[in-house]
Structure formats: structure tokens, C-alpha cells
Amino acid sequence: MESTSRCFPTGLARLIDIRDRFCRTPWCDAPIRHRDHIVEHQAGGPTDANNGAGLCEACNHAKQGEGWRAQPESAENGQLHSYRFTTPTGHEYRSTAPPLPTPFDGEIYIPIGRRMEVIFVDAA
């Protein structure tokens, strides 16, 4: 799904909401308020499902600050959507979408413990 528009069309925005369910910043589990381009539209980032992420308002505005970088990771068919981002301090994180919704099996999904992965980078 791709659009030539800067804004995510209704169907694509719904897809991102269903796929992501919570803010995709690993330490945040707030409700999605913005559909954001991982690579900014003004920098040539496409308006498509691979370059889109659901973020809360605070995380979306923080991501626009100086020193934040993000890049979608290419996914094979059947893999969950993920992207890497770097904070102004140089720390790298991977954000992976939660598993696809399934019928309720009695287990309650806890987003933080299953989504946060710190990527350690050798500074040498």
C-alpha cells in the first residue's frame, strides 16, 4: 500500500493502527495519535506501510528534535514490521510491531516487555 500524498490515507492509517496498536517507541505504550513517516516525507520518505509508524503525540514531536534518526528495516514476507532509531545520545533501538491480533486466548498482551530491544554498539 503506497500513496503519493504526505498524509496517510484512511485505509493505510487504519492498517498502521491495527498493526502497531500502541506507540512504537519502545519505552512508551501510549495510544497512537499520529501516523508518522519513519524517514521524513520532506527527506524523500514514501507514504507507505513500511515507512509508517503509529506514535503518540509526545514521541512524534520528540522524534522531530535535533539528533534523532530512524530507518525502516526491510522485512521478508511473514515477518513483523520493524525499524531502528538512534537517539541524540547515540543509543540505537529497534522497534518491532506486536504480533498480529488473534482471537482472545485468555492471555493479556503486555507491550513493553515484548517489544523493547536495545542494540549495543561498540563505540571503539
PDB file of N, CA and C in Angstrom:
ATOM      1  N   MET A   1       0.837  -1.178   0.000  1.00  0.00           N
ATOM      2  CA  MET A   1       0.000   0.000   0.000  1.00  0.00           C
ATOM      3  C   MET A   1       0.883   1.242   0.000  1.00  0.00           C
ATOM      4  N   GLU A   2       0.717   2.117  -0.981  1.00  0.00           N
ATOM      5  CA  GLU A   2       1.522   3.327  -1.061  1.00  0.00           C
ATOM      6  C   GLU A   2       0.648   4.473  -1.544  1.00  0.00           C
ATOM      7  N   SER A   3       1.006   5.682  -1.125  1.00  0.00           N
ATOM      8  CA  SER A   3       0.274   6.870  -1.518  1.00  0.00           C
ATOM      9  C   SER A   3       1.268   7.930  -1.951  1.00  0.00           C
ATOM     10  N   THR A   4       0.873   8.809  -2.859  1.00  0.00           N
ATOM     11  CA  THR A   4       1.728   9.925  -3.249  1.00  0.00           C
ATOM     12  C   THR A   4       1.502  11.120  -2.337  1.00  0.00           C
ATOM     13  N   SER A   5       0.510  11.034  -1.469  1.00  0.00           N
ATOM     14  CA  SER A   5       0.174  12.106  -0.535  1.00  0.00           C
ATOM     15  C   SER A   5       1.125  12.109   0.656  1.00  0.00           C
ATOM     16  N   ARG A   6       1.286  13.263   1.302  1.00  0.00           N
ATOM     17  CA  ARG A   6       2.070  13.352   2.527  1.00  0.00           C
ATOM     18  C   ARG A   6       1.316  12.720   3.689  1.00  0.00           C
ATOM     19  N   CYS A   7       0.009  12.902   3.727  1.00  0.00           N
ATOM     20  CA  CYS A   7      -0.816  12.328   4.801  1.00  0.00           C
ATOM     21  C   CYS A   7      -1.159  10.885   4.459  1.00  0.00           C
ATOM     22  N   PHE A   8      -1.248  10.067   5.494  1.00  0.00           N
ATOM     23  CA  PHE A   8      -1.616   8.671   5.280  1.00  0.00           C
ATOM     24  C   PHE A   8      -3.117   8.597   4.997  1.00  0.00           C
ATOM     25  N   PRO A   9      -3.512   7.993   3.857  1.00  0.00           N
ATOM     26  CA  PRO A   9      -4.936   7.849   3.561  1.00  0.00           C
ATOM     27  C   PRO A   9      -5.611   7.002   4.637  1.00  0.00           C
ATOM     28  N   THR A  10      -6.922   7.096   4.728  1.00  0.00           N
ATOM     29  CA  THR A  10      -7.692   6.429   5.781  1.00  0.00           C
ATOM     30  C   THR A  10      -7.386   4.937   5.882  1.00  0.00           C
ATOM     31  N   GLY A  11      -7.384   4.226   4.775  1.00  0.00           N
ATOM     32  CA  GLY A  11      -7.137   2.787   4.796  1.00  0.00           C
ATOM     33  C   GLY A  11      -5.742   2.447   5.298  1.00  0.00           C
ATOM     34  N   LEU A  12      -4.750   3.197   4.847  1.00  0.00           N
ATOM     35  CA  LEU A  12      -3.366   2.970   5.280  1.00  0.00           C
ATOM     36  C   LEU A  12      -3.188   3.346   6.746  1.00  0.00           C
ATOM     37  N   ALA A  13      -3.820   4.426   7.184  1.00  0.00           N
ATOM     38  CA  ALA A  13      -3.764   4.826   8.594  1.00  0.00           C
ATOM     39  C   ALA A  13      -4.386   3.745   9.474  1.00  0.00           C
ATOM     40  N   ARG A  14      -5.493   3.156   9.031  1.00  0.00           N
ATOM     41  CA  ARG A  14      -6.134   2.074   9.774  1.00  0.00           C
ATOM     42  C   ARG A  14      -5.230   0.850   9.863  1.00  0.00           C
ATOM     43  N   LEU A  15      -4.571   0.524   8.758  1.00  0.00           N
ATOM     44  CA  LEU A  15      -3.637  -0.600   8.742  1.00  0.00           C
ATOM     45  C   LEU A  15      -2.529  -0.382   9.772  1.00  0.00           C
ATOM     46  N   ILE A  16      -1.963   0.819   9.821  1.00  0.00           N
ATOM     47  CA  ILE A  16      -0.904   1.133  10.786  1.00  0.00           C
ATOM     48  C   ILE A  16      -1.433   1.038  12.212  1.00  0.00           C
ATOM     49  N   ASP A  17      -2.640   1.556  12.453  1.00  0.00           N
ATOM     50  CA  ASP A  17      -3.239   1.472  13.792  1.00  0.00           C
ATOM     51  C   ASP A  17      -3.429   0.019  14.241  1.00  0.00           C
ATOM     52  N   ILE A  18      -3.921  -0.823  13.344  1.00  0.00           N
ATOM     53  CA  ILE A  18      -4.154  -2.224  13.690  1.00  0.00           C
ATOM     54  C   ILE A  18      -2.827  -2.955  13.882  1.00  0.00           C
ATOM     55  N   ARG A  19      -1.869  -2.684  13.004  1.00  0.00           N
ATOM     56  CA  ARG A  19      -0.568  -3.357  13.093  1.00  0.00           C
ATOM     57  C   ARG A  19       0.183  -2.964  14.356  1.00  0.00           C
ATOM     58  N   ASP A  20       0.232  -1.663  14.671  1.00  0.00           N
ATOM     59  CA  ASP A  20       1.084  -1.171  15.759  1.00  0.00           C
ATOM     60  C   ASP A  20       0.384  -1.188  17.123  1.00  0.00           C
ATOM     61  N   ARG A  21      -0.885  -0.851  17.172  1.00  0.00           N
ATOM     62  CA  ARG A  21      -1.729  -0.862  18.372  1.00  0.00           C
ATOM     63  C   ARG A  21      -1.330   0.121  19.471  1.00  0.00           C
ATOM     64  N   PHE A  22      -0.059   0.341  19.724  1.00  0.00           N
ATOM     65  CA  PHE A  22       0.443   1.274  20.747  1.00  0.00           C
ATOM     66  C   PHE A  22       1.551   2.106  20.107  1.00  0.00           C
ATOM     67  N   CYS A  23       1.958   3.178  20.775  1.00  0.00           N
ATOM     68  CA  CYS A  23       3.089   3.979  20.311  1.00  0.00           C
ATOM     69  C   CYS A  23       4.272   3.046  20.087  1.00  0.00           C
ATOM     70  N   ARG A  24       4.955   3.195  18.952  1.00  0.00           N
ATOM     71  CA  ARG A  24       6.046   2.288  18.607  1.00  0.00           C
ATOM     72  C   ARG A  24       7.372   2.618  19.282  1.00  0.00           C
ATOM     73  N   THR A  25       7.452   3.730  20.021  1.00  0.00           N
ATOM     74  CA  THR A  25       8.668   3.994  20.774  1.00  0.00           C
ATOM     75  C   THR A  25       8.759   2.915  21.849  1.00  0.00           C
ATOM     76  N   PRO A  26       9.889   2.181  21.937  1.00  0.00           N
ATOM     77  CA  PRO A  26       9.948   1.004  22.813  1.00  0.00           C
ATOM     78  C   PRO A  26       9.602   1.249  24.283  1.00  0.00           C
ATOM     79  N   TRP A  27       9.894   2.397  24.824  1.00  0.00           N
ATOM     80  CA  TRP A  27       9.618   2.639  26.248  1.00  0.00           C
ATOM     81  C   TRP A  27       8.263   3.299  26.481  1.00  0.00           C
ATOM     82  N   CYS A  28       7.445   3.403  25.461  1.00  0.00           N
ATOM     83  CA  CYS A  28       6.155   4.074  25.575  1.00  0.00           C
ATOM     84  C   CYS A  28       5.045   3.108  25.158  1.00  0.00           C
ATOM     85  N   ASP A  29       3.960   3.099  25.891  1.00  0.00           N
ATOM     86  CA  ASP A  29       2.817   2.272  25.481  1.00  0.00           C
ATOM     87  C   ASP A  29       1.539   3.107  25.399  1.00  0.00           C
ATOM     88  N   ALA A  30       1.716   4.393  25.091  1.00  0.00           N
ATOM     89  CA  ALA A  30       0.576   5.302  24.963  1.00  0.00           C
ATOM     90  C   ALA A  30      -0.224   4.967  23.696  1.00  0.00           C
ATOM     91  N   PRO A  31      -1.477   5.404  23.644  1.00  0.00           N
ATOM     92  CA  PRO A  31      -2.283   5.183  22.437  1.00  0.00           C
ATOM     93  C   PRO A  31      -1.687   5.938  21.237  1.00  0.00           C
ATOM     94  N   ILE A  32      -1.885   5.400  20.070  1.00  0.00           N
ATOM     95  CA  ILE A  32      -1.426   6.052  18.837  1.00  0.00           C
ATOM     96  C   ILE A  32      -2.261   7.298  18.595  1.00  0.00           C
ATOM     97  N   ARG A  33      -1.611   8.414  18.349  1.00  0.00           N
ATOM     98  CA  ARG A  33      -2.300   9.657  17.997  1.00  0.00           C
ATOM     99  C   ARG A  33      -1.845  10.177  16.630  1.00  0.00           C
ATOM    100  N   HIS A  34      -0.633   9.795  16.196  1.00  0.00           N
ATOM    101  CA  HIS A  34      -0.101  10.253  14.915  1.00  0.00           C
ATOM    102  C   HIS A  34       0.418   9.061  14.124  1.00  0.00           C
ATOM    103  N   ARG A  35       0.197   9.089  12.815  1.00  0.00           N
ATOM    104  CA  ARG A  35       0.861   8.154  11.911  1.00  0.00           C
ATOM    105  C   ARG A  35       2.015   8.929  11.332  1.00  0.00           C
ATOM    106  N   ASP A  36       3.225   8.446  11.585  1.00  0.00           N
ATOM    107  CA  ASP A  36       4.428   9.206  11.260  1.00  0.00           C
ATOM    108  C   ASP A  36       5.240   8.505  10.182  1.00  0.00           C
ATOM    109  N   HIS A  37       5.904   9.310   9.357  1.00  0.00           N
ATOM    110  CA  HIS A  37       6.873   8.778   8.401  1.00  0.00           C
ATOM    111  C   HIS A  37       8.161   8.467   9.163  1.00  0.00           C
ATOM    112  N   ILE A  38       8.643   7.233   9.069  1.00  0.00           N
ATOM    113  CA  ILE A  38       9.899   6.876   9.729  1.00  0.00           C
ATOM    114  C   ILE A  38      11.024   7.695   9.112  1.00  0.00           C
ATOM    115  N   VAL A  39      11.133   7.672   7.789  1.00  0.00           N
ATOM    116  CA  VAL A  39      12.007   8.609   7.074  1.00  0.00           C
ATOM    117  C   VAL A  39      11.085   9.740   6.637  1.00  0.00           C
ATOM    118  N   GLU A  40      11.389  10.948   7.083  1.00  0.00           N
ATOM    119  CA  GLU A  40      10.502  12.089   6.851  1.00  0.00           C
ATOM    120  C   GLU A  40      10.119  12.246   5.381  1.00  0.00           C
ATOM    121  N   HIS A  41       8.882  12.636   5.159  1.00  0.00           N
ATOM    122  CA  HIS A  41       8.375  12.850   3.805  1.00  0.00           C
ATOM    123  C   HIS A  41       9.223  13.891   3.079  1.00  0.00           C
ATOM    124  N   GLN A  42       9.597  14.958   3.767  1.00  0.00           N
ATOM    125  CA  GLN A  42      10.385  16.024   3.130  1.00  0.00           C
ATOM    126  C   GLN A  42      11.798  15.561   2.777  1.00  0.00           C
ATOM    127  N   ALA A  43      12.250  14.446   3.366  1.00  0.00           N
ATOM    128  CA  ALA A  43      13.562  13.887   3.039  1.00  0.00           C
ATOM    129  C   ALA A  43      13.433  12.767   2.003  1.00  0.00           C
ATOM    130  N   GLY A  44      12.246  12.627   1.416  1.00  0.00           N
ATOM    131  CA  GLY A  44      12.031  11.630   0.381  1.00  0.00           C
ATOM    132  C   GLY A  44      11.423  10.331   0.861  1.00  0.00           C
ATOM    133  N   GLY A  45      11.004  10.271   2.137  1.00  0.00           N
ATOM    134  CA  GLY A  45      10.380   9.065   2.662  1.00  0.00           C
ATOM    135  C   GLY A  45       9.002   8.868   2.069  1.00  0.00           C
ATOM    136  N   PRO A  46       8.708   7.663   1.579  1.00  0.00           N
ATOM    137  CA  PRO A  46       7.399   7.417   0.967  1.00  0.00           C
ATOM    138  C   PRO A  46       6.284   7.311   2.006  1.00  0.00           C
ATOM    139  N   THR A  47       5.069   7.540   1.561  1.00  0.00           N
ATOM    140  CA  THR A  47       3.889   7.358   2.401  1.00  0.00           C
ATOM    141  C   THR A  47       3.381   5.954   2.131  1.00  0.00           C
ATOM    142  N   ASP A  48       3.975   4.975   2.831  1.00  0.00           N
ATOM    143  CA  ASP A  48       3.570   3.585   2.665  1.00  0.00           C
ATOM    144  C   ASP A  48       3.654   2.857   4.004  1.00  0.00           C
ATOM    145  N   ALA A  49       3.193   1.617   4.021  1.00  0.00           N
ATOM    146  CA  ALA A  49       3.131   0.854   5.275  1.00  0.00           C
ATOM    147  C   ALA A  49       4.515   0.607   5.868  1.00  0.00           C
ATOM    148  N   ASN A  50       5.533   0.373   5.039  1.00  0.00           N
ATOM    149  CA  ASN A  50       6.872   0.099   5.565  1.00  0.00           C
ATOM    150  C   ASN A  50       7.510   1.344   6.168  1.00  0.00           C
ATOM    151  N   ASN A  51       7.174   2.525   5.670  1.00  0.00           N
ATOM    152  CA  ASN A  51       7.759   3.767   6.180  1.00  0.00           C
ATOM    153  C   ASN A  51       6.833   4.466   7.179  1.00  0.00           C
ATOM    154  N   GLY A  52       5.757   3.825   7.575  1.00  0.00           N
ATOM    155  CA  GLY A  52       4.817   4.419   8.521  1.00  0.00           C
ATOM    156  C   GLY A  52       4.889   3.747   9.875  1.00  0.00           C
ATOM    157  N   ALA A  53       4.688   4.530  10.918  1.00  0.00           N
ATOM    158  CA  ALA A  53       4.645   4.002  12.282  1.00  0.00           C
ATOM    159  C   ALA A  53       3.637   4.794  13.085  1.00  0.00           C
ATOM    160  N   GLY A  54       2.935   4.107  13.975  1.00  0.00           N
ATOM    161  CA  GLY A  54       1.999   4.772  14.871  1.00  0.00           C
ATOM    162  C   GLY A  54       2.750   5.262  16.105  1.00  0.00           C
ATOM    163  N   LEU A  55       2.640   6.555  16.390  1.00  0.00           N
ATOM    164  CA  LEU A  55       3.308   7.149  17.550  1.00  0.00           C
ATOM    165  C   LEU A  55       2.314   7.961  18.367  1.00  0.00           C
ATOM    166  N   CYS A  56       2.612   8.117  19.647  1.00  0.00           N
ATOM    167  CA  CYS A  56       1.831   9.055  20.450  1.00  0.00           C
ATOM    168  C   CYS A  56       2.296  10.463  20.085  1.00  0.00           C
ATOM    169  N   GLU A  57       1.550  11.446  20.511  1.00  0.00           N
ATOM    170  CA  GLU A  57       1.881  12.830  20.159  1.00  0.00           C
ATOM    171  C   GLU A  57       3.249  13.245  20.708  1.00  0.00           C
ATOM    172  N   ALA A  58       3.538  12.903  21.966  1.00  0.00           N
ATOM    173  CA  ALA A  58       4.803  13.312  22.590  1.00  0.00           C
ATOM    174  C   ALA A  58       6.009  12.693  21.881  1.00  0.00           C
ATOM    175  N   CYS A  59       5.933  11.402  21.577  1.00  0.00           N
ATOM    176  CA  CYS A  59       7.066  10.737  20.913  1.00  0.00           C
ATOM    177  C   CYS A  59       7.251  11.243  19.483  1.00  0.00           C
ATOM    178  N   ASN A  60       6.151  11.553  18.796  1.00  0.00           N
ATOM    179  CA  ASN A  60       6.271  12.090  17.450  1.00  0.00           C
ATOM    180  C   ASN A  60       6.971  13.450  17.464  1.00  0.00           C
ATOM    181  N   HIS A  61       6.603  14.308  18.408  1.00  0.00           N
ATOM    182  CA  HIS A  61       7.252  15.617  18.472  1.00  0.00           C
ATOM    183  C   HIS A  61       8.712  15.493  18.914  1.00  0.00           C
ATOM    184  N   ALA A  62       8.995  14.590  19.846  1.00  0.00           N
ATOM    185  CA  ALA A  62      10.387  14.385  20.288  1.00  0.00           C
ATOM    186  C   ALA A  62      11.249  13.898  19.130  1.00  0.00           C
ATOM    187  N   LYS A  63      10.705  13.008  18.313  1.00  0.00           N
ATOM    188  CA  LYS A  63      11.451  12.444  17.177  1.00  0.00           C
ATOM    189  C   LYS A  63      11.856  13.524  16.167  1.00  0.00           C
ATOM    190  N   GLN A  64      11.133  14.620  16.147  1.00  0.00           N
ATOM    191  CA  GLN A  64      11.458  15.705  15.220  1.00  0.00           C
ATOM    192  C   GLN A  64      12.636  16.553  15.714  1.00  0.00           C
ATOM    193  N   GLY A  65      13.073  16.306  16.951  1.00  0.00           N
ATOM    194  CA  GLY A  65      14.162  17.096  17.533  1.00  0.00           C
ATOM    195  C   GLY A  65      15.512  16.792  16.923  1.00  0.00           C
ATOM    196  N   GLU A  66      16.463  17.621  17.252  1.00  0.00           N
ATOM    197  CA  GLU A  66      17.841  17.515  16.765  1.00  0.00           C
ATOM    198  C   GLU A  66      18.472  16.190  17.194  1.00  0.00           C
ATOM    199  N   GLY A  67      19.087  15.489  16.259  1.00  0.00           N
ATOM    200  CA  GLY A  67      19.869  14.302  16.576  1.00  0.00           C
ATOM    201  C   GLY A  67      19.129  12.980  16.526  1.00  0.00           C
ATOM    202  N   TRP A  68      17.812  12.979  16.327  1.00  0.00           N
ATOM    203  CA  TRP A  68      17.060  11.725  16.229  1.00  0.00           C
ATOM    204  C   TRP A  68      17.111  11.242  14.785  1.00  0.00           C
ATOM    205  N   ARG A  69      17.378   9.947  14.595  1.00  0.00           N
ATOM    206  CA  ARG A  69      17.401   9.353  13.253  1.00  0.00           C
ATOM    207  C   ARG A  69      16.616   8.044  13.289  1.00  0.00           C
ATOM    208  N   ALA A  70      15.975   7.719  12.179  1.00  0.00           N
ATOM    209  CA  ALA A  70      15.213   6.462  12.102  1.00  0.00           C
ATOM    210  C   ALA A  70      15.303   5.907  10.692  1.00  0.00           C
ATOM    211  N   GLN A  71      15.251   4.573  10.591  1.00  0.00           N
ATOM    212  CA  GLN A  71      15.331   3.901   9.303  1.00  0.00           C
ATOM    213  C   GLN A  71      14.519   2.612   9.361  1.00  0.00           C
ATOM    214  N   PRO A  72      13.577   2.414   8.431  1.00  0.00           N
ATOM    215  CA  PRO A  72      12.833   1.147   8.433  1.00  0.00           C
ATOM    216  C   PRO A  72      13.750  -0.002   8.035  1.00  0.00           C
ATOM    217  N   GLU A  73      13.475  -1.185   8.575  1.00  0.00           N
ATOM    218  CA  GLU A  73      14.219  -2.374   8.187  1.00  0.00           C
ATOM    219  C   GLU A  73      13.381  -3.137   7.174  1.00  0.00           C
ATOM    220  N   SER A  74      14.033  -3.695   6.177  1.00  0.00           N
ATOM    221  CA  SER A  74      13.278  -4.469   5.192  1.00  0.00           C
ATOM    222  C   SER A  74      12.855  -5.784   5.824  1.00  0.00           C
ATOM    223  N   ALA A  75      11.648  -6.198   5.516  1.00  0.00           N
ATOM    224  CA  ALA A  75      11.093  -7.409   6.123  1.00  0.00           C
ATOM    225  C   ALA A  75      10.762  -8.427   5.041  1.00  0.00           C
ATOM    226  N   GLU A  76      11.021  -9.664   5.346  1.00  0.00           N
ATOM    227  CA  GLU A  76      10.603 -10.763   4.487  1.00  0.00           C
ATOM    228  C   GLU A  76       9.099 -10.951   4.683  1.00  0.00           C
ATOM    229  N   ASN A  77       8.458 -11.601   3.750  1.00  0.00           N
ATOM    230  CA  ASN A  77       7.032 -11.905   3.916  1.00  0.00           C
ATOM    231  C   ASN A  77       6.832 -12.715   5.182  1.00  0.00           C
ATOM    232  N   GLY A  78       5.851 -12.334   5.978  1.00  0.00           N
ATOM    233  CA  GLY A  78       5.548 -13.053   7.206  1.00  0.00           C
ATOM    234  C   GLY A  78       6.270 -12.528   8.429  1.00  0.00           C
ATOM    235  N   GLN A  79       7.244 -11.624   8.255  1.00  0.00           N
ATOM    236  CA  GLN A  79       7.945 -11.050   9.405  1.00  0.00           C
ATOM    237  C   GLN A  79       7.214  -9.808   9.895  1.00  0.00           C
ATOM    238  N   LEU A  80       7.388  -9.499  11.182  1.00  0.00           N
ATOM    239  CA  LEU A  80       6.769  -8.309  11.750  1.00  0.00           C
ATOM    240  C   LEU A  80       7.511  -7.052  11.298  1.00  0.00           C
ATOM    241  N   HIS A  81       6.783  -5.962  11.137  1.00  0.00           N
ATOM    242  CA  HIS A  81       7.361  -4.673  10.747  1.00  0.00           C
ATOM    243  C   HIS A  81       8.307  -4.183  11.830  1.00  0.00           C
ATOM    244  N   SER A  82       9.471  -3.701  11.448  1.00  0.00           N
ATOM    245  CA  SER A  82      10.396  -3.147  12.446  1.00  0.00           C
ATOM    246  C   SER A  82      11.197  -2.007  11.836  1.00  0.00           C
ATOM    247  N   TYR A  83      11.680  -1.145  12.719  1.00  0.00           N
ATOM    248  CA  TYR A  83      12.597  -0.093  12.291  1.00  0.00           C
ATOM    249  C   TYR A  83      13.569   0.205  13.419  1.00  0.00           C
ATOM    250  N   ARG A  84      14.699   0.785  13.043  1.00  0.00           N
ATOM    251  CA  ARG A  84      15.726   1.170  14.014  1.00  0.00           C
ATOM    252  C   ARG A  84      15.726   2.679  14.141  1.00  0.00           C
ATOM    253  N   PHE A  85      15.949   3.138  15.353  1.00  0.00           N
ATOM    254  CA  PHE A  85      16.136   4.570  15.511  1.00  0.00           C
ATOM    255  C   PHE A  85      17.261   4.842  16.489  1.00  0.00           C
ATOM    256  N   THR A  86      17.874   6.001  16.314  1.00  0.00           N
ATOM    257  CA  THR A  86      19.014   6.424  17.114  1.00  0.00           C
ATOM    258  C   THR A  86      18.636   7.703  17.845  1.00  0.00           C
ATOM    259  N   THR A  87      18.913   7.736  19.145  1.00  0.00           N
ATOM    260  CA  THR A  87      18.621   8.915  19.962  1.00  0.00           C
ATOM    261  C   THR A  87      19.753   9.927  19.818  1.00  0.00           C
ATOM    262  N   PRO A  88      19.559  11.150  20.276  1.00  0.00           N
ATOM    263  CA  PRO A  88      20.630  12.149  20.208  1.00  0.00           C
ATOM    264  C   PRO A  88      21.891  11.730  20.975  1.00  0.00           C
ATOM    265  N   THR A  89      21.766  10.810  21.938  1.00  0.00           N
ATOM    266  CA  THR A  89      22.939  10.352  22.694  1.00  0.00           C
ATOM    267  C   THR A  89      23.685   9.231  21.981  1.00  0.00           C
ATOM    268  N   GLY A  90      23.163   8.784  20.831  1.00  0.00           N
ATOM    269  CA  GLY A  90      23.821   7.736  20.058  1.00  0.00           C
ATOM    270  C   GLY A  90      23.331   6.332  20.359  1.00  0.00           C
ATOM    271  N   HIS A  91      22.396   6.169  21.271  1.00  0.00           N
ATOM    272  CA  HIS A  91      21.853   4.845  21.573  1.00  0.00           C
ATOM    273  C   HIS A  91      20.922   4.410  20.444  1.00  0.00           C
ATOM    274  N   GLU A  92      21.029   3.147  20.052  1.00  0.00           N
ATOM    275  CA  GLU A  92      20.192   2.608  18.990  1.00  0.00           C
ATOM    276  C   GLU A  92      19.175   1.638  19.568  1.00  0.00           C
ATOM    277  N   TYR A  93      17.960   1.692  19.024  1.00  0.00           N
ATOM    278  CA  TYR A  93      16.883   0.819  19.452  1.00  0.00           C
ATOM    279  C   TYR A  93      16.190   0.250  18.228  1.00  0.00           C
ATOM    280  N   ARG A  94      15.603  -0.903  18.389  1.00  0.00           N
ATOM    281  CA  ARG A  94      14.772  -1.489  17.336  1.00  0.00           C
ATOM    282  C   ARG A  94      13.335  -1.510  17.860  1.00  0.00           C
ATOM    283  N   SER A  95      12.423  -1.082  17.033  1.00  0.00           N
ATOM    284  CA  SER A  95      11.003  -1.130  17.366  1.00  0.00           C
ATOM    285  C   SER A  95      10.347  -2.146  16.446  1.00  0.00           C
ATOM    286  N   THR A  96       9.781  -3.175  17.039  1.00  0.00           N
ATOM    287  CA  THR A  96       9.105  -4.217  16.273  1.00  0.00           C
ATOM    288  C   THR A  96       7.617  -4.203  16.621  1.00  0.00           C
ATOM    289  N   ALA A  97       6.801  -4.265  15.598  1.00  0.00           N
ATOM    290  CA  ALA A  97       5.355  -4.283  15.810  1.00  0.00           C
ATOM    291  C   ALA A  97       4.971  -5.513  16.624  1.00  0.00           C
ATOM    292  N   PRO A  98       3.905  -5.406  17.432  1.00  0.00           N
ATOM    293  CA  PRO A  98       3.460  -6.579  18.186  1.00  0.00           C
ATOM    294  C   PRO A  98       2.927  -7.657  17.242  1.00  0.00           C
ATOM    295  N   PRO A  99       2.800  -8.881  17.750  1.00  0.00           N
ATOM    296  CA  PRO A  99       2.231  -9.943  16.911  1.00  0.00           C
ATOM    297  C   PRO A  99       0.834  -9.558  16.434  1.00  0.00           C
ATOM    298  N   LEU A 100       0.440 -10.104  15.304  1.00  0.00           N
ATOM    299  CA  LEU A 100      -0.886  -9.807  14.761  1.00  0.00           C
ATOM    300  C   LEU A 100      -1.977 -10.227  15.736  1.00  0.00           C
ATOM    301  N   PRO A 101      -3.091  -9.494  15.748  1.00  0.00           N
ATOM    302  CA  PRO A 101      -4.188  -9.850  16.653  1.00  0.00           C
ATOM    303  C   PRO A 101      -4.714 -11.252  16.362  1.00  0.00           C
ATOM    304  N   THR A 102      -5.059 -11.965  17.413  1.00  0.00           N
ATOM    305  CA  THR A 102      -5.653 -13.289  17.287  1.00  0.00           C
ATOM    306  C   THR A 102      -6.876 -13.337  18.202  1.00  0.00           C
ATOM    307  N   PRO A 103      -7.712 -14.331  18.061  1.00  0.00           N
ATOM    308  CA  PRO A 103      -8.842 -14.439  18.988  1.00  0.00           C
ATOM    309  C   PRO A 103      -8.329 -14.533  20.427  1.00  0.00           C
ATOM    310  N   PHE A 104      -9.084 -13.975  21.363  1.00  0.00           N
ATOM    311  CA  PHE A 104      -8.666 -13.937  22.763  1.00  0.00           C
ATOM    312  C   PHE A 104      -8.470 -15.355  23.289  1.00  0.00           C
ATOM    313  N   ASP A 105      -7.266 -15.607  23.831  1.00  0.00           N
ATOM    314  CA  ASP A 105      -6.951 -16.938  24.358  1.00  0.00           C
ATOM    315  C   ASP A 105      -6.765 -16.925  25.873  1.00  0.00           C
ATOM    316  N   GLY A 106      -7.159 -15.822  26.513  1.00  0.00           N
ATOM    317  CA  GLY A 106      -7.029 -15.728  27.962  1.00  0.00           C
ATOM    318  C   GLY A 106      -5.746 -15.052  28.404  1.00  0.00           C
ATOM    319  N   GLU A 107      -4.787 -14.845  27.477  1.00  0.00           N
ATOM    320  CA  GLU A 107      -3.528 -14.192  27.824  1.00  0.00           C
ATOM    321  C   GLU A 107      -3.627 -12.717  27.470  1.00  0.00           C
ATOM    322  N   ILE A 108      -3.233 -11.860  28.381  1.00  0.00           N
ATOM    323  CA  ILE A 108      -3.276 -10.420  28.154  1.00  0.00           C
ATOM    324  C   ILE A 108      -1.934  -9.972  27.596  1.00  0.00           C
ATOM    325  N   TYR A 109      -1.979  -9.226  26.492  1.00  0.00           N
ATOM    326  CA  TYR A 109      -0.757  -8.742  25.840  1.00  0.00           C
ATOM    327  C   TYR A 109      -0.145  -7.604  26.639  1.00  0.00           C
ATOM    328  N   ILE A 110       1.162  -7.690  26.917  1.00  0.00           N
ATOM    329  CA  ILE A 110       1.897  -6.640  27.627  1.00  0.00           C
ATOM    330  C   ILE A 110       2.938  -6.092  26.660  1.00  0.00           C
ATOM    331  N   PRO A 111       2.747  -4.870  26.150  1.00  0.00           N
ATOM    332  CA  PRO A 111       3.595  -4.377  25.080  1.00  0.00           C
ATOM    333  C   PRO A 111       5.056  -4.144  25.442  1.00  0.00           C
ATOM    334  N   ILE A 112       5.371  -3.550  26.569  1.00  0.00           N
ATOM    335  CA  ILE A 112       6.746  -3.145  26.866  1.00  0.00           C
ATOM    336  C   ILE A 112       7.694  -4.329  26.926  1.00  0.00           C
ATOM    337  N   GLY A 113       7.374  -5.350  27.698  1.00  0.00           N
ATOM    338  CA  GLY A 113       8.286  -6.472  27.891  1.00  0.00           C
ATOM    339  C   GLY A 113       8.593  -7.244  26.631  1.00  0.00           C
ATOM    340  N   ARG A 114       7.718  -7.184  25.662  1.00  0.00           N
ATOM    341  CA  ARG A 114       7.912  -7.966  24.446  1.00  0.00           C
ATOM    342  C   ARG A 114       8.467  -7.150  23.287  1.00  0.00           C
ATOM    343  N   ARG A 115       8.477  -5.817  23.402  1.00  0.00           N
ATOM    344  CA  ARG A 115       8.857  -5.017  22.242  1.00  0.00           C
ATOM    345  C   ARG A 115      10.207  -4.333  22.372  1.00  0.00           C
ATOM    346  N   MET A 116      10.738  -4.149  23.576  1.00  0.00           N
ATOM    347  CA  MET A 116      11.940  -3.342  23.715  1.00  0.00           C
ATOM    348  C   MET A 116      13.186  -4.194  23.523  1.00  0.00           C
ATOM    349  N   GLU A 117      14.046  -3.771  22.633  1.00  0.00           N
ATOM    350  CA  GLU A 117      15.299  -4.439  22.387  1.00  0.00           C
ATOM    351  C   GLU A 117      16.362  -3.352  22.228  1.00  0.00           C
ATOM    352  N   VAL A 118      17.362  -3.370  23.069  1.00  0.00           N
ATOM    353  CA  VAL A 118      18.444  -2.398  22.997  1.00  0.00           C
ATOM    354  C   VAL A 118      19.529  -2.973  22.110  1.00  0.00           C
ATOM    355  N   ILE A 119      20.031  -2.180  21.199  1.00  0.00           N
ATOM    356  CA  ILE A 119      21.106  -2.616  20.318  1.00  0.00           C
ATOM    357  C   ILE A 119      22.375  -1.951  20.812  1.00  0.00           C
ATOM    358  N   PHE A 120      23.322  -2.741  21.266  1.00  0.00           N
ATOM    359  CA  PHE A 120      24.569  -2.211  21.776  1.00  0.00           C
ATOM    360  C   PHE A 120      25.540  -2.017  20.624  1.00  0.00           C
ATOM    361  N   VAL A 121      26.158  -0.855  20.593  1.00  0.00           N
ATOM    362  CA  VAL A 121      27.090  -0.522  19.531  1.00  0.00           C
ATOM    363  C   VAL A 121      28.451  -0.284  20.155  1.00  0.00           C
ATOM    364  N   ASP A 122      29.463  -0.903  19.615  1.00  0.00           N
ATOM    365  CA  ASP A 122      30.824  -0.719  20.106  1.00  0.00           C
ATOM    366  C   ASP A 122      31.296   0.658  19.672  1.00  0.00           C
ATOM    367  N   ALA A 123      31.623   1.512  20.628  1.00  0.00           N
ATOM    368  CA  ALA A 123      31.998   2.899  20.336  1.00  0.00           C
ATOM    369  C   ALA A 123      33.460   3.030  19.912  1.00  0.00           C
ATOM    370  N   ALA A 124      34.191   1.940  19.889  1.00  0.00           N
ATOM    371  CA  ALA A 124      35.625   1.994  19.566  1.00  0.00           C
ATOM    372  C   ALA A 124      35.888   2.270  18.122  1.00  0.00           C
TER     373      ALA A 124
END
